[in-house]
């Protein structure tokens, strides 16, 4: 009975992993197929007569894809850093201060993160145009941070609430200031939450499309999602190049998650076990 249960468990895991990996593997196969085998009777074949890496070369030769990557890395990275700094201070204040309506405030904060982007695109576009921030990094960092902060503050607050207040009292007794206590004691203890929040914010900013398409319309300021959308021509649709670009922009995220997976898992499972 135990062996049967174990077999069913691993079978279920295998099916789940296979279903999750299938889109990625299918796009990867499309990225290395020769153009002639992307259409017609070969379109759904896993094994075809001709494979090539030319699609990956054409992504960088025929398009300013390197510039797209730099733009996305810069915008997503700066959004992540700014959001973590503001969210850490705000979350610490919310976790430690006692004021009327704290639960209502957190609820409203979380509700703001659920507000549809399409409803805010017009006023944000007009604001960026009036302030001259269109086609700049800051023109995307501001709205990205606006939507990232509510969830970041909510998530970080739970981590600061779990840190014993006695640690801060002990630091005060030893003569540490509030900032010293915050940077040297509380933040290291909240590291799992910081890493998890950082990955969430970075990925959201990395693949955001609507604001990037509307605010940064110049080619040299486009991010990766918008740049890939512009690959298509008037009469052609280069599926091979699009697939190669999709694989290329997925790899940095996979590497980032693999590097920090221990901290991310720790952050996601924090509080799952009742003490």
Protein backbone atom coordinates (compact mmCIF):
# COMPACT_ATOMS: atom_id res chain seq x y z
CA UNK A 1 0.00 0.00 0.00
CA UNK A 2 2.84 2.34 0.90
CA UNK A 3 4.68 1.51 -2.33
CA UNK A 4 1.53 2.17 -4.35
CA UNK A 5 1.02 5.52 -2.65
CA UNK A 6 4.65 6.42 -3.32
CA UNK A 7 4.33 5.42 -6.96
CA UNK A 8 1.18 7.52 -7.37
CA UNK A 9 2.87 10.48 -5.69
CA UNK A 10 5.89 10.41 -8.00
CA UNK A 11 3.64 9.80 -10.98
CA UNK A 12 1.62 12.87 -10.09
CA UNK A 13 4.77 14.95 -9.61
CA UNK A 14 6.09 13.77 -12.97
CA UNK A 15 2.86 14.67 -14.74
CA UNK A 16 2.77 18.08 -13.05
CA UNK A 17 6.40 18.90 -13.90
CA UNK A 18 5.88 17.69 -17.47
CA UNK A 19 2.79 19.87 -17.90
CA UNK A 20 4.59 22.89 -16.41
CA UNK A 21 7.69 22.41 -18.58
CA UNK A 22 5.86 21.56 -21.81
CA UNK A 23 5.30 25.20 -23.00
CA UNK A 24 8.94 26.06 -22.33
CA UNK A 25 10.23 22.99 -24.17
CA UNK A 26 7.85 23.59 -27.09
CA UNK A 27 9.06 27.18 -27.50
CA UNK A 28 12.68 26.00 -27.22
CA UNK A 29 12.11 23.49 -30.03
CA UNK A 30 10.55 26.23 -32.15
CA UNK A 31 13.57 28.44 -31.49
CA UNK A 32 16.04 25.91 -32.91
CA UNK A 33 13.98 24.74 -35.89
CA UNK A 34 14.79 25.99 -39.34
CA UNK A 35 12.15 28.34 -40.71
CA UNK A 36 10.91 25.79 -43.25
CA UNK A 37 9.96 23.40 -40.43
CA UNK A 38 7.96 25.89 -38.37
CA UNK A 39 4.94 25.69 -40.66
CA UNK A 40 2.91 23.11 -42.54
CA UNK A 41 3.14 19.42 -41.72
CA UNK A 42 6.29 19.88 -39.59
CA UNK A 43 4.79 22.49 -37.29
CA UNK A 44 3.78 19.97 -34.61
CA UNK A 45 6.69 17.58 -35.04
CA UNK A 46 9.23 17.28 -32.24
CA UNK A 47 11.90 15.82 -34.48
CA UNK A 48 12.54 17.55 -37.80
CA UNK A 49 15.33 17.18 -40.41
CA UNK A 50 16.90 20.57 -39.73
CA UNK A 51 17.91 22.36 -36.53
CA UNK A 52 19.81 25.64 -36.24
CA UNK A 53 20.95 28.31 -33.77
CA UNK A 54 20.54 31.04 -36.37
CA UNK A 55 17.36 32.31 -34.73
CA UNK A 56 19.32 33.29 -31.62
CA UNK A 57 21.90 35.08 -33.76
CA UNK A 58 19.23 36.94 -35.75
CA UNK A 59 17.58 38.14 -32.55
CA UNK A 60 20.66 40.24 -31.78
CA UNK A 61 21.70 40.99 -35.37
CA UNK A 62 18.36 42.02 -36.86
CA UNK A 63 17.03 43.77 -33.77
CA UNK A 64 18.49 45.96 -30.97
CA UNK A 65 17.73 43.15 -28.53
CA UNK A 66 20.78 43.87 -26.39
CA UNK A 67 19.42 47.35 -25.77
CA UNK A 68 16.04 45.90 -24.83
CA UNK A 69 17.74 43.66 -22.26
CA UNK A 70 19.69 46.56 -20.76
CA UNK A 71 16.50 48.63 -20.48
CA UNK A 72 14.58 45.81 -18.81
CA UNK A 73 17.39 44.97 -16.39
CA UNK A 74 17.84 48.63 -15.43
CA UNK A 75 14.15 49.39 -14.96
CA UNK A 76 13.33 46.14 -13.14
CA UNK A 77 16.42 46.38 -10.95
CA UNK A 78 15.87 50.00 -9.93
CA UNK A 79 12.18 49.31 -9.30
CA UNK A 80 13.12 46.38 -7.09
CA UNK A 81 15.69 48.36 -5.08
CA UNK A 82 13.45 51.38 -4.55
CA UNK A 83 10.44 49.24 -3.64
CA UNK A 84 12.44 47.23 -1.09
CA UNK A 85 13.83 50.35 0.60
CA UNK A 86 10.45 52.07 0.93
CA UNK A 87 8.56 48.86 1.77
CA UNK A 88 11.06 47.90 4.49
CA UNK A 89 10.70 51.20 6.37
CA UNK A 90 6.92 51.31 5.88
CA UNK A 91 6.45 47.68 6.91
CA UNK A 92 8.59 48.15 10.02
CA UNK A 93 6.56 51.19 11.06
CA UNK A 94 3.27 49.38 10.51
CA UNK A 95 4.46 46.28 12.38
CA UNK A 96 5.76 48.18 15.42
CA UNK A 97 3.47 51.20 15.74
CA UNK A 98 0.03 50.85 17.30
CA UNK A 99 -2.56 53.14 15.78
CA UNK A 100 -6.29 53.08 15.23
CA UNK A 101 -7.45 51.42 12.01
CA UNK A 102 -4.23 49.50 11.27
CA UNK A 103 -6.13 46.47 9.93
CA UNK A 104 -8.31 48.69 7.75
CA UNK A 105 -5.22 50.48 6.44
CA UNK A 106 -3.56 47.17 5.50
CA UNK A 107 -6.76 46.02 3.81
CA UNK A 108 -7.00 49.20 1.75
CA UNK A 109 -3.30 48.90 0.93
CA UNK A 110 -3.81 45.40 -0.41
CA UNK A 111 -6.92 46.47 -2.34
CA UNK A 112 -4.87 49.14 -4.13
CA UNK A 113 -2.60 46.45 -5.57
CA UNK A 114 -5.64 44.81 -7.16
CA UNK A 115 -6.66 47.97 -9.01
CA UNK A 116 -6.61 47.29 -12.79
CA UNK A 117 -3.73 48.91 -14.64
CA UNK A 118 -5.87 49.73 -17.66
CA UNK A 119 -7.97 52.09 -15.52
CA UNK A 120 -4.91 54.17 -14.59
CA UNK A 121 -2.99 54.20 -17.86
CA UNK A 122 -4.56 57.45 -19.18
CA UNK A 123 -3.83 59.73 -16.18
CA UNK A 124 -0.36 58.21 -15.74
CA UNK A 125 0.40 58.74 -19.43
CA UNK A 126 -0.75 62.38 -19.25
CA UNK A 127 1.34 62.93 -16.12
CA UNK A 128 4.47 61.47 -17.72
CA UNK A 129 3.93 63.54 -20.83
CA UNK A 130 3.42 66.75 -18.83
CA UNK A 131 6.55 66.18 -16.74
CA UNK A 132 8.72 65.12 -19.68
CA UNK A 133 9.28 61.62 -18.30
CA UNK A 134 8.14 59.75 -21.39
CA UNK A 135 10.85 57.57 -22.95
CA UNK A 136 12.89 57.59 -19.75
CA UNK A 137 13.65 54.94 -17.15
CA UNK A 138 11.96 57.02 -14.46
CA UNK A 139 8.78 57.14 -16.55
CA UNK A 140 8.37 53.38 -15.99
CA UNK A 141 9.95 53.07 -12.55
CA UNK A 142 7.35 55.41 -10.99
CA UNK A 143 4.23 53.47 -12.06
CA UNK A 144 5.94 50.11 -11.51
CA UNK A 145 6.82 51.11 -7.96
CA UNK A 146 3.32 52.45 -7.38
CA UNK A 147 1.80 49.05 -8.11
CA UNK A 148 4.59 47.06 -6.43
CA UNK A 149 4.65 48.90 -3.09
CA UNK A 150 1.25 47.85 -1.65
CA UNK A 151 1.94 44.12 -1.98
CA UNK A 152 5.58 44.59 -0.91
CA UNK A 153 4.57 46.46 2.25
CA UNK A 154 1.87 43.92 3.07
CA UNK A 155 4.28 41.03 2.63
CA UNK A 156 7.17 42.61 4.55
CA UNK A 157 4.88 43.59 7.43
CA UNK A 158 4.19 39.93 8.21
CA UNK A 159 7.92 39.27 8.53
CA UNK A 160 8.59 42.19 10.86
CA UNK A 161 5.64 41.16 13.02
CA UNK A 162 7.24 37.75 13.57
CA UNK A 163 10.52 39.20 14.86
CA UNK A 164 10.47 39.31 18.70
CA UNK A 165 10.34 42.82 20.09
CA UNK A 166 12.76 41.74 22.83
CA UNK A 167 15.59 41.83 20.27
CA UNK A 168 15.04 45.55 19.74
CA UNK A 169 14.88 46.14 23.49
CA UNK A 170 18.18 44.31 23.93
CA UNK A 171 19.77 46.41 21.18
CA UNK A 172 18.57 49.62 22.86
CA UNK A 173 20.07 48.48 26.15
CA UNK A 174 23.38 47.95 24.35
CA UNK A 175 23.23 51.53 23.06
CA UNK A 176 22.16 50.87 19.46
CA UNK A 177 20.14 53.55 17.71
CA UNK A 178 16.88 52.83 15.89
CA UNK A 179 18.63 52.85 12.50
CA UNK A 180 21.43 50.58 13.75
CA UNK A 181 18.87 48.16 15.11
CA UNK A 182 16.93 48.26 11.86
CA UNK A 183 19.91 47.70 9.52
CA UNK A 184 22.02 45.31 11.62
CA UNK A 185 19.41 43.21 13.42
CA UNK A 186 15.94 43.41 11.89
CA UNK A 187 16.78 43.38 8.17
CA UNK A 188 19.07 40.31 8.40
CA UNK A 189 16.33 38.46 10.26
CA UNK A 190 13.81 39.51 7.60
CA UNK A 191 16.13 38.43 4.76
CA UNK A 192 13.83 35.60 3.51
CA UNK A 193 11.01 38.11 3.12
CA UNK A 194 13.32 40.59 1.39
CA UNK A 195 14.50 38.03 -1.15
CA UNK A 196 11.00 36.75 -1.86
CA UNK A 197 9.62 40.28 -2.26
CA UNK A 198 12.58 41.25 -4.45
CA UNK A 199 11.99 38.35 -6.85
CA UNK A 200 8.25 39.11 -7.09
CA UNK A 201 8.84 42.82 -7.80
CA UNK A 202 11.64 42.14 -10.28
CA UNK A 203 9.64 39.57 -12.27
CA UNK A 204 6.54 41.78 -12.37
CA UNK A 205 8.57 44.72 -13.69
CA UNK A 206 10.52 42.46 -16.07
CA UNK A 207 7.50 41.19 -17.99
CA UNK A 208 5.14 44.21 -17.70
CA UNK A 209 3.82 45.22 -21.11
CA UNK A 210 1.01 47.81 -20.95
CA UNK A 211 2.86 50.73 -19.37
CA UNK A 212 6.06 49.93 -21.26
CA UNK A 213 4.20 50.01 -24.57
CA UNK A 214 2.38 53.26 -23.80
CA UNK A 215 5.01 55.35 -22.03
CA UNK A 216 8.26 54.33 -23.73
CA UNK A 217 7.55 54.34 -27.46
CA UNK A 218 11.07 55.06 -28.75
CA UNK A 219 12.89 51.97 -29.94
CA UNK A 220 16.04 52.63 -27.89
CA UNK A 221 13.94 52.87 -24.71
CA UNK A 222 11.73 49.81 -25.25
CA UNK A 223 11.80 46.95 -22.79
CA UNK A 224 12.01 43.28 -23.72
CA UNK A 225 8.25 42.48 -23.89
CA UNK A 226 7.56 45.47 -26.15
CA UNK A 227 10.66 44.80 -28.24
CA UNK A 228 9.60 41.21 -28.91
CA UNK A 229 6.12 42.40 -29.90
CA UNK A 230 7.77 44.63 -32.51
CA UNK A 231 9.56 41.72 -34.19
CA UNK A 232 6.70 41.11 -36.60
CA UNK A 233 6.79 42.79 -39.96
CA UNK A 234 3.99 43.95 -42.23
CA UNK A 235 3.70 40.61 -44.02
CA UNK A 236 5.86 38.29 -41.91
CA UNK A 237 5.75 36.85 -38.43
CA UNK A 238 9.19 35.46 -37.42
CA UNK A 239 8.15 32.72 -35.02
CA UNK A 240 11.68 31.36 -34.81
CA UNK A 241 13.15 34.68 -33.68
CA UNK A 242 10.27 35.34 -31.29
CA UNK A 243 10.74 31.91 -29.71
CA UNK A 244 14.50 32.45 -29.40
CA UNK A 245 13.92 35.84 -27.76
CA UNK A 246 11.39 34.32 -25.35
CA UNK A 247 13.89 31.66 -24.27
CA UNK A 248 16.64 34.27 -23.93
CA UNK A 249 14.62 36.51 -21.58
CA UNK A 250 13.46 33.53 -19.50
CA UNK A 251 16.98 32.33 -18.71
CA UNK A 252 17.96 35.30 -16.43
CA UNK A 253 14.83 34.80 -14.32
CA UNK A 254 15.50 31.06 -14.00
CA UNK A 255 19.12 31.72 -12.97
CA UNK A 256 18.01 34.36 -10.45
CA UNK A 257 15.50 32.00 -8.85
CA UNK A 258 18.00 29.12 -8.72
CA UNK A 259 20.61 31.30 -7.02
CA UNK A 260 18.24 32.54 -4.32
CA UNK A 261 15.94 29.52 -4.13
CA UNK A 262 16.88 28.72 -0.51
CA UNK A 263 15.90 32.22 0.64
CA UNK A 264 12.75 32.22 -1.51
CA UNK A 265 11.54 28.87 -0.14
CA UNK A 266 12.30 30.04 3.38
CA UNK A 267 10.27 33.18 2.78
CA UNK A 268 7.32 31.41 1.20
CA UNK A 269 7.11 28.79 3.96
CA UNK A 270 7.70 31.17 6.87
CA UNK A 271 4.94 30.78 9.38
CA UNK A 272 3.62 27.60 7.75
CA UNK A 273 4.56 25.58 10.84
CA UNK A 274 2.81 26.53 14.06
CA UNK A 275 5.21 27.09 16.92
